[in-house]
Amino acid sequence: MRMMFIGLVACLGLTACETIQGAGRDVQDAGQALETAIES
């Protein structure tokens, strides 16, 4: 039972990390699009 709980917590942690990385990439892409729009 305890190992299942530890596995679940680890899985949730990884999912949160992936979500944060994805959001960071989206923000970075939006920033680059803004820069391109300003330059042109």
PDB file of N, CA and C in Angstrom:
ATOM      1  N   MET A   1       0.827  -1.199   0.000  1.00  0.00           N
ATOM      2  CA  MET A   1       0.000   0.000   0.000  1.00  0.00           C
ATOM      3  C   MET A   1       0.872   1.265   0.000  1.00  0.00           C
ATOM      4  N   ARG A   2       1.907   1.246   0.830  1.00  0.00           N
ATOM      5  CA  ARG A   2       2.765   2.425   0.932  1.00  0.00           C
ATOM      6  C   ARG A   2       3.498   2.690  -0.380  1.00  0.00           C
ATOM      7  N   MET A   3       3.949   1.629  -1.041  1.00  0.00           N
ATOM      8  CA  MET A   3       4.660   1.795  -2.316  1.00  0.00           C
ATOM      9  C   MET A   3       3.738   2.383  -3.383  1.00  0.00           C
ATOM     10  N   MET A   4       2.472   1.982  -3.367  1.00  0.00           N
ATOM     11  CA  MET A   4       1.519   2.543  -4.328  1.00  0.00           C
ATOM     12  C   MET A   4       1.375   4.048  -4.109  1.00  0.00           C
ATOM     13  N   PHE A   5       1.298   4.450  -2.844  1.00  0.00           N
ATOM     14  CA  PHE A   5       1.152   5.870  -2.512  1.00  0.00           C
ATOM     15  C   PHE A   5       2.372   6.659  -2.974  1.00  0.00           C
ATOM     16  N   ILE A   6       3.553   6.119  -2.728  1.00  0.00           N
ATOM     17  CA  ILE A   6       4.794   6.783  -3.149  1.00  0.00           C
ATOM     18  C   ILE A   6       4.827   6.905  -4.678  1.00  0.00           C
ATOM     19  N   GLY A   7       4.411   5.855  -5.366  1.00  0.00           N
ATOM     20  CA  GLY A   7       4.364   5.888  -6.828  1.00  0.00           C
ATOM     21  C   GLY A   7       3.401   6.943  -7.339  1.00  0.00           C
ATOM     22  N   LEU A   8       2.255   7.047  -6.676  1.00  0.00           N
ATOM     23  CA  LEU A   8       1.248   8.033  -7.074  1.00  0.00           C
ATOM     24  C   LEU A   8       1.787   9.454  -6.893  1.00  0.00           C
ATOM     25  N   VAL A   9       2.424   9.706  -5.757  1.00  0.00           N
ATOM     26  CA  VAL A   9       2.996  11.030  -5.490  1.00  0.00           C
ATOM     27  C   VAL A   9       4.074  11.364  -6.522  1.00  0.00           C
ATOM     28  N   ALA A  10       4.923  10.391  -6.846  1.00  0.00           N
ATOM     29  CA  ALA A  10       5.977  10.613  -7.835  1.00  0.00           C
ATOM     30  C   ALA A  10       5.375  10.929  -9.200  1.00  0.00           C
ATOM     31  N   CYS A  11       4.334  10.217  -9.551  1.00  0.00           N
ATOM     32  CA  CYS A  11       3.667  10.429 -10.843  1.00  0.00           C
ATOM     33  C   CYS A  11       3.051  11.828 -10.902  1.00  0.00           C
ATOM     34  N   LEU A  12       2.389  12.227  -9.834  1.00  0.00           N
ATOM     35  CA  LEU A  12       1.784  13.562  -9.791  1.00  0.00           C
ATOM     36  C   LEU A  12       2.858  14.644  -9.879  1.00  0.00           C
ATOM     37  N   GLY A  13       3.977  14.423  -9.216  1.00  0.00           N
ATOM     38  CA  GLY A  13       5.071  15.384  -9.274  1.00  0.00           C
ATOM     39  C   GLY A  13       5.608  15.541 -10.686  1.00  0.00           C
ATOM     40  N   LEU A  14       5.771  14.421 -11.381  1.00  0.00           N
ATOM     41  CA  LEU A  14       6.256  14.462 -12.766  1.00  0.00           C
ATOM     42  C   LEU A  14       5.263  15.181 -13.662  1.00  0.00           C
ATOM     43  N   THR A  15       3.977  14.910 -13.475  1.00  0.00           N
ATOM     44  CA  THR A  15       2.946  15.548 -14.291  1.00  0.00           C
ATOM     45  C   THR A  15       2.964  17.055 -14.081  1.00  0.00           C
ATOM     46  N   ALA A  16       3.078  17.484 -12.833  1.00  0.00           N
ATOM     47  CA  ALA A  16       3.122  18.916 -12.535  1.00  0.00           C
ATOM     48  C   ALA A  16       4.342  19.552 -13.192  1.00  0.00           C
ATOM     49  N   CYS A  17       5.462  18.865 -13.144  1.00  0.00           N
ATOM     50  CA  CYS A  17       6.700  19.373 -13.737  1.00  0.00           C
ATOM     51  C   CYS A  17       6.526  19.536 -15.246  1.00  0.00           C
ATOM     52  N   GLU A  18       5.946  18.544 -15.899  1.00  0.00           N
ATOM     53  CA  GLU A  18       5.709  18.618 -17.344  1.00  0.00           C
ATOM     54  C   GLU A  18       4.788  19.788 -17.678  1.00  0.00           C
ATOM     55  N   THR A  19       3.738  19.986 -16.869  1.00  0.00           N
ATOM     56  CA  THR A  19       2.783  21.066 -17.115  1.00  0.00           C
ATOM     57  C   THR A  19       3.469  22.419 -17.011  1.00  0.00           C
ATOM     58  N   ILE A  20       4.314  22.575 -15.985  1.00  0.00           N
ATOM     59  CA  ILE A  20       5.028  23.843 -15.795  1.00  0.00           C
ATOM     60  C   ILE A  20       5.982  24.088 -16.960  1.00  0.00           C
ATOM     61  N   GLN A  21       6.674  23.050 -17.414  1.00  0.00           N
ATOM     62  CA  GLN A  21       7.592  23.198 -18.553  1.00  0.00           C
ATOM     63  C   GLN A  21       6.814  23.590 -19.805  1.00  0.00           C
ATOM     64  N   GLY A  22       5.666  22.966 -20.024  1.00  0.00           N
ATOM     65  CA  GLY A  22       4.839  23.283 -21.188  1.00  0.00           C
ATOM     66  C   GLY A  22       4.374  24.727 -21.154  1.00  0.00           C
ATOM     67  N   ALA A  23       3.962  25.190 -19.980  1.00  0.00           N
ATOM     68  CA  ALA A  23       3.521  26.578 -19.836  1.00  0.00           C
ATOM     69  C   ALA A  23       4.678  27.528 -20.104  1.00  0.00           C
ATOM     70  N   GLY A  24       5.865  27.174 -19.631  1.00  0.00           N
ATOM     71  CA  GLY A  24       7.044  28.000 -19.872  1.00  0.00           C
ATOM     72  C   GLY A  24       7.344  28.121 -21.356  1.00  0.00           C
ATOM     73  N   ARG A  25       7.201  27.016 -22.077  1.00  0.00           N
ATOM     74  CA  ARG A  25       7.440  27.045 -23.526  1.00  0.00           C
ATOM     75  C   ARG A  25       6.399  27.916 -24.217  1.00  0.00           C
ATOM     76  N   ASP A  26       5.138  27.828 -23.777  1.00  0.00           N
ATOM     77  CA  ASP A  26       4.087  28.642 -24.383  1.00  0.00           C
ATOM     78  C   ASP A  26       4.373  30.128 -24.182  1.00  0.00           C
ATOM     79  N   VAL A  27       4.794  30.487 -22.973  1.00  0.00           N
ATOM     80  CA  VAL A  27       5.104  31.889 -22.679  1.00  0.00           C
ATOM     81  C   VAL A  27       6.284  32.353 -23.527  1.00  0.00           C
ATOM     82  N   GLN A  28       7.280  31.503 -23.657  1.00  0.00           N
ATOM     83  CA  GLN A  28       8.458  31.844 -24.458  1.00  0.00           C
ATOM     84  C   GLN A  28       8.068  32.044 -25.925  1.00  0.00           C
ATOM     85  N   ASP A  29       7.229  31.149 -26.451  1.00  0.00           N
ATOM     86  CA  ASP A  29       6.778  31.275 -27.842  1.00  0.00           C
ATOM     87  C   ASP A  29       5.991  32.565 -28.033  1.00  0.00           C
ATOM     88  N   ALA A  30       5.130  32.893 -27.087  1.00  0.00           N
ATOM     89  CA  ALA A  30       4.339  34.120 -27.188  1.00  0.00           C
ATOM     90  C   ALA A  30       5.257  35.338 -27.165  1.00  0.00           C
ATOM     91  N   GLY A  31       6.288  35.304 -26.337  1.00  0.00           N
ATOM     92  CA  GLY A  31       7.243  36.410 -26.277  1.00  0.00           C
ATOM     93  C   GLY A  31       7.974  36.584 -27.592  1.00  0.00           C
ATOM     94  N   GLN A  32       8.364  35.480 -28.209  1.00  0.00           N
ATOM     95  CA  GLN A  32       9.060  35.551 -29.497  1.00  0.00           C
ATOM     96  C   GLN A  32       8.126  36.080 -30.580  1.00  0.00           C
ATOM     97  N   ALA A  33       6.868  35.682 -30.542  1.00  0.00           N
ATOM     98  CA  ALA A  33       5.900  36.166 -31.523  1.00  0.00           C
ATOM     99  C   ALA A  33       5.703  37.674 -31.363  1.00  0.00           C
ATOM    100  N   LEU A  34       5.646  38.134 -30.124  1.00  0.00           N
ATOM    101  CA  LEU A  34       5.513  39.573 -29.870  1.00  0.00           C
ATOM    102  C   LEU A  34       6.720  40.339 -30.405  1.00  0.00           C
ATOM    103  N   GLU A  35       7.914  39.831 -30.144  1.00  0.00           N
ATOM    104  CA  GLU A  35       9.134  40.483 -30.633  1.00  0.00           C
ATOM    105  C   GLU A  35       9.117  40.574 -32.151  1.00  0.00           C
ATOM    106  N   THR A  36       8.725  39.495 -32.794  1.00  0.00           N
ATOM    107  CA  THR A  36       8.674  39.473 -34.257  1.00  0.00           C
ATOM    108  C   THR A  36       7.665  40.494 -34.767  1.00  0.00           C
ATOM    109  N   ALA A  37       6.515  40.581 -34.117  1.00  0.00           N
ATOM    110  CA  ALA A  37       5.481  41.527 -34.534  1.00  0.00           C
ATOM    111  C   ALA A  37       5.955  42.968 -34.353  1.00  0.00           C
ATOM    112  N   ILE A  38       6.681  43.230 -33.291  1.00  0.00           N
ATOM    113  CA  ILE A  38       7.177  44.588 -33.027  1.00  0.00           C
ATOM    114  C   ILE A  38       8.245  44.981 -34.048  1.00  0.00           C
ATOM    115  N   GLU A  39       9.110  44.041 -34.398  1.00  0.00           N
ATOM    116  CA  GLU A  39      10.203  44.323 -35.331  1.00  0.00           C
ATOM    117  C   GLU A  39       9.705  44.568 -36.750  1.00  0.00           C
ATOM    118  N   SER A  40       8.627  43.911 -37.138  1.00  0.00           N
ATOM    119  CA  SER A  40       8.174  44.040 -38.533  1.00  0.00           C
ATOM    120  C   SER A  40       7.197  45.179 -38.733  1.00  0.00           C
TER     121      SER A  40
END
